[in-house]
N, C-alpha and C. Protein backbone atom coordinates (compact mmCIF):
# COMPACT_ATOMS: atom_id res chain seq x y z
N ILE A 1 -2.92 4.39 9.84
CA ILE A 1 -4.00 5.36 9.70
C ILE A 1 -3.76 6.47 10.71
N PRO A 2 -3.80 7.71 10.26
CA PRO A 2 -3.61 8.84 11.20
C PRO A 2 -4.64 8.80 12.32
N GLU A 3 -4.22 9.13 13.53
CA GLU A 3 -5.09 9.01 14.70
C GLU A 3 -6.38 9.80 14.58
N ASP A 4 -6.36 10.95 13.95
CA ASP A 4 -7.57 11.78 13.86
C ASP A 4 -8.64 11.20 12.93
N VAL A 5 -8.31 10.22 12.08
CA VAL A 5 -9.31 9.58 11.21
C VAL A 5 -9.42 8.08 11.47
N ARG A 6 -8.71 7.60 12.47
CA ARG A 6 -8.73 6.18 12.82
C ARG A 6 -10.10 5.80 13.37
N PRO A 7 -10.66 4.65 12.96
CA PRO A 7 -11.97 4.23 13.49
C PRO A 7 -11.90 3.92 14.99
N ARG A 8 -13.00 4.18 15.68
CA ARG A 8 -13.08 3.86 17.10
C ARG A 8 -12.94 2.35 17.30
N LYS A 9 -12.37 1.93 18.41
CA LYS A 9 -12.16 0.51 18.68
C LYS A 9 -13.36 -0.13 19.37
N ASP A 10 -14.32 0.67 19.83
CA ASP A 10 -15.47 0.15 20.56
C ASP A 10 -16.66 -0.13 19.64
N GLN A 11 -16.40 -0.72 18.49
CA GLN A 11 -17.44 -1.04 17.53
C GLN A 11 -17.08 -2.33 16.81
N PRO A 12 -18.05 -2.98 16.20
CA PRO A 12 -17.73 -4.20 15.43
C PRO A 12 -16.90 -3.89 14.18
N PHE A 13 -16.08 -4.86 13.81
CA PHE A 13 -15.32 -4.81 12.57
C PHE A 13 -15.69 -6.05 11.77
N TYR A 14 -15.69 -5.95 10.44
CA TYR A 14 -16.14 -7.03 9.58
C TYR A 14 -15.14 -7.31 8.47
N HIS A 15 -15.03 -8.58 8.07
CA HIS A 15 -14.34 -8.92 6.84
C HIS A 15 -15.37 -8.75 5.73
N LEU A 16 -15.05 -7.99 4.74
CA LEU A 16 -15.99 -7.61 3.69
C LEU A 16 -15.49 -8.06 2.34
N LEU A 17 -16.34 -8.74 1.57
CA LEU A 17 -15.99 -9.07 0.18
C LEU A 17 -16.25 -7.82 -0.64
N ALA A 18 -15.20 -7.23 -1.13
CA ALA A 18 -15.31 -5.94 -1.81
C ALA A 18 -14.87 -6.06 -3.26
N GLU A 19 -15.34 -5.14 -4.06
CA GLU A 19 -14.95 -5.10 -5.46
C GLU A 19 -15.03 -3.66 -5.95
N ASN A 20 -14.20 -3.37 -6.92
CA ASN A 20 -14.28 -2.09 -7.62
C ASN A 20 -14.11 -2.38 -9.11
N MET A 21 -13.93 -1.37 -9.90
CA MET A 21 -13.84 -1.58 -11.34
C MET A 21 -12.59 -2.37 -11.76
N GLU A 22 -11.53 -2.34 -10.93
CA GLU A 22 -10.28 -3.00 -11.28
C GLU A 22 -10.09 -4.39 -10.67
N SER A 23 -10.65 -4.64 -9.47
CA SER A 23 -10.34 -5.89 -8.80
C SER A 23 -11.37 -6.25 -7.74
N SER A 24 -11.23 -7.47 -7.22
CA SER A 24 -11.98 -7.94 -6.07
C SER A 24 -10.99 -8.17 -4.95
N TYR A 25 -11.41 -7.94 -3.71
CA TYR A 25 -10.51 -8.09 -2.58
C TYR A 25 -11.32 -8.30 -1.31
N ILE A 26 -10.65 -8.64 -0.22
CA ILE A 26 -11.29 -8.77 1.08
C ILE A 26 -10.76 -7.64 1.95
N ALA A 27 -11.69 -6.85 2.51
CA ALA A 27 -11.32 -5.70 3.33
C ALA A 27 -11.74 -5.96 4.78
N TYR A 28 -11.09 -5.30 5.71
CA TYR A 28 -11.45 -5.35 7.13
C TYR A 28 -11.97 -3.96 7.46
N VAL A 29 -13.28 -3.86 7.75
CA VAL A 29 -13.94 -2.56 7.80
C VAL A 29 -14.66 -2.37 9.14
N SER A 30 -14.54 -1.16 9.70
CA SER A 30 -15.28 -0.83 10.92
C SER A 30 -16.74 -0.57 10.57
N GLN A 31 -17.62 -0.80 11.54
CA GLN A 31 -19.05 -0.60 11.29
C GLN A 31 -19.35 0.82 10.86
N GLN A 32 -18.65 1.80 11.41
CA GLN A 32 -18.92 3.20 11.06
C GLN A 32 -18.61 3.50 9.59
N ASN A 33 -17.85 2.65 8.94
CA ASN A 33 -17.50 2.88 7.53
C ASN A 33 -18.29 2.02 6.55
N LEU A 34 -19.25 1.24 7.05
CA LEU A 34 -20.09 0.44 6.16
C LEU A 34 -21.09 1.34 5.44
N VAL A 35 -21.33 1.03 4.18
CA VAL A 35 -22.31 1.76 3.37
C VAL A 35 -23.22 0.73 2.72
N ALA A 36 -24.51 0.98 2.77
CA ALA A 36 -25.47 0.04 2.19
C ALA A 36 -25.27 -0.08 0.69
N ASP A 37 -25.46 -1.29 0.18
CA ASP A 37 -25.41 -1.56 -1.25
C ASP A 37 -26.84 -1.49 -1.76
N ASP A 38 -27.23 -0.39 -2.34
CA ASP A 38 -28.61 -0.17 -2.79
C ASP A 38 -28.98 -0.99 -4.01
N GLU A 39 -28.02 -1.58 -4.70
CA GLU A 39 -28.32 -2.38 -5.88
C GLU A 39 -28.98 -3.70 -5.51
N ALA A 40 -28.62 -4.26 -4.38
CA ALA A 40 -29.21 -5.50 -3.85
C ALA A 40 -29.17 -6.67 -4.82
N GLY A 41 -28.22 -6.68 -5.72
CA GLY A 41 -28.08 -7.78 -6.66
C GLY A 41 -26.94 -8.68 -6.26
N PRO A 42 -26.73 -9.75 -6.99
CA PRO A 42 -25.63 -10.65 -6.67
C PRO A 42 -24.26 -9.96 -6.82
N VAL A 43 -23.32 -10.43 -6.03
CA VAL A 43 -21.96 -9.88 -6.03
C VAL A 43 -21.08 -10.78 -6.88
N ASP A 44 -20.23 -10.19 -7.69
CA ASP A 44 -19.32 -10.96 -8.54
C ASP A 44 -17.94 -10.95 -7.89
N HIS A 45 -17.76 -11.81 -6.89
CA HIS A 45 -16.50 -11.89 -6.16
C HIS A 45 -16.03 -13.34 -6.17
N PRO A 46 -14.75 -13.61 -6.40
CA PRO A 46 -14.27 -14.99 -6.50
C PRO A 46 -14.48 -15.82 -5.23
N ALA A 47 -14.63 -15.22 -4.07
CA ALA A 47 -14.81 -15.97 -2.82
C ALA A 47 -16.26 -16.36 -2.55
N ILE A 48 -17.20 -15.87 -3.33
CA ILE A 48 -18.62 -16.14 -3.09
C ILE A 48 -18.91 -17.64 -3.07
N ALA A 49 -18.45 -18.37 -4.06
CA ALA A 49 -18.75 -19.80 -4.17
C ALA A 49 -18.19 -20.60 -2.99
N ASN A 50 -17.13 -20.14 -2.35
CA ASN A 50 -16.56 -20.83 -1.20
C ASN A 50 -17.37 -20.60 0.07
N LEU A 51 -18.13 -19.53 0.12
CA LEU A 51 -18.86 -19.16 1.33
C LEU A 51 -20.36 -19.43 1.26
N PHE A 52 -20.92 -19.33 0.05
CA PHE A 52 -22.38 -19.39 -0.09
C PHE A 52 -22.81 -20.40 -1.13
N ASP A 53 -24.01 -20.98 -0.91
CA ASP A 53 -24.58 -21.94 -1.85
C ASP A 53 -25.29 -21.26 -3.02
N GLN A 54 -26.15 -20.30 -2.71
CA GLN A 54 -26.95 -19.68 -3.77
C GLN A 54 -27.40 -18.29 -3.36
N PHE A 55 -27.85 -17.51 -4.33
CA PHE A 55 -28.43 -16.19 -4.13
C PHE A 55 -29.92 -16.33 -4.40
N SER A 56 -30.75 -16.11 -3.38
CA SER A 56 -32.18 -16.30 -3.52
C SER A 56 -32.93 -15.24 -2.71
N ASP A 57 -33.94 -14.64 -3.32
CA ASP A 57 -34.75 -13.61 -2.65
C ASP A 57 -33.89 -12.48 -2.09
N GLY A 58 -32.87 -12.08 -2.82
CA GLY A 58 -32.03 -10.96 -2.41
C GLY A 58 -31.01 -11.27 -1.33
N ARG A 59 -30.82 -12.55 -1.01
CA ARG A 59 -29.87 -12.94 0.04
C ARG A 59 -29.05 -14.15 -0.40
N TYR A 60 -27.86 -14.24 0.14
CA TYR A 60 -27.02 -15.42 -0.07
C TYR A 60 -27.30 -16.42 1.04
N GLN A 61 -27.29 -17.70 0.69
CA GLN A 61 -27.45 -18.77 1.66
C GLN A 61 -26.06 -19.29 2.05
N LEU A 62 -25.71 -19.13 3.32
CA LEU A 62 -24.40 -19.55 3.81
C LEU A 62 -24.25 -21.06 3.69
N ARG A 63 -23.09 -21.51 3.23
CA ARG A 63 -22.83 -22.95 3.09
C ARG A 63 -22.86 -23.61 4.48
N ARG A 64 -23.34 -24.81 4.53
CA ARG A 64 -23.53 -25.54 5.79
C ARG A 64 -22.24 -25.58 6.63
N GLU A 65 -21.10 -25.78 6.01
CA GLU A 65 -19.85 -25.91 6.76
C GLU A 65 -19.41 -24.62 7.46
N HIS A 66 -20.03 -23.49 7.11
CA HIS A 66 -19.69 -22.21 7.76
C HIS A 66 -20.70 -21.81 8.83
N ARG A 67 -21.70 -22.62 9.03
CA ARG A 67 -22.72 -22.31 10.05
C ARG A 67 -22.24 -22.80 11.42
N HIS A 68 -22.63 -22.10 12.44
CA HIS A 68 -22.26 -22.48 13.81
C HIS A 68 -23.33 -23.32 14.43
């Protein structure tokens, strides 16, 4: 990434389950580049079932084995 558009290092970075019209993928994204998902509906990503039990009241419930 060119230095003039590179994200600052003094912020959180997240692994993000992402999807577009062609595919689903996992992205590593800086907080400054996060955009709210205004649809607030369930996500159709192949990794969802491995991470979460269910989608309820607009939120996913993290599977017990991934809780700290």
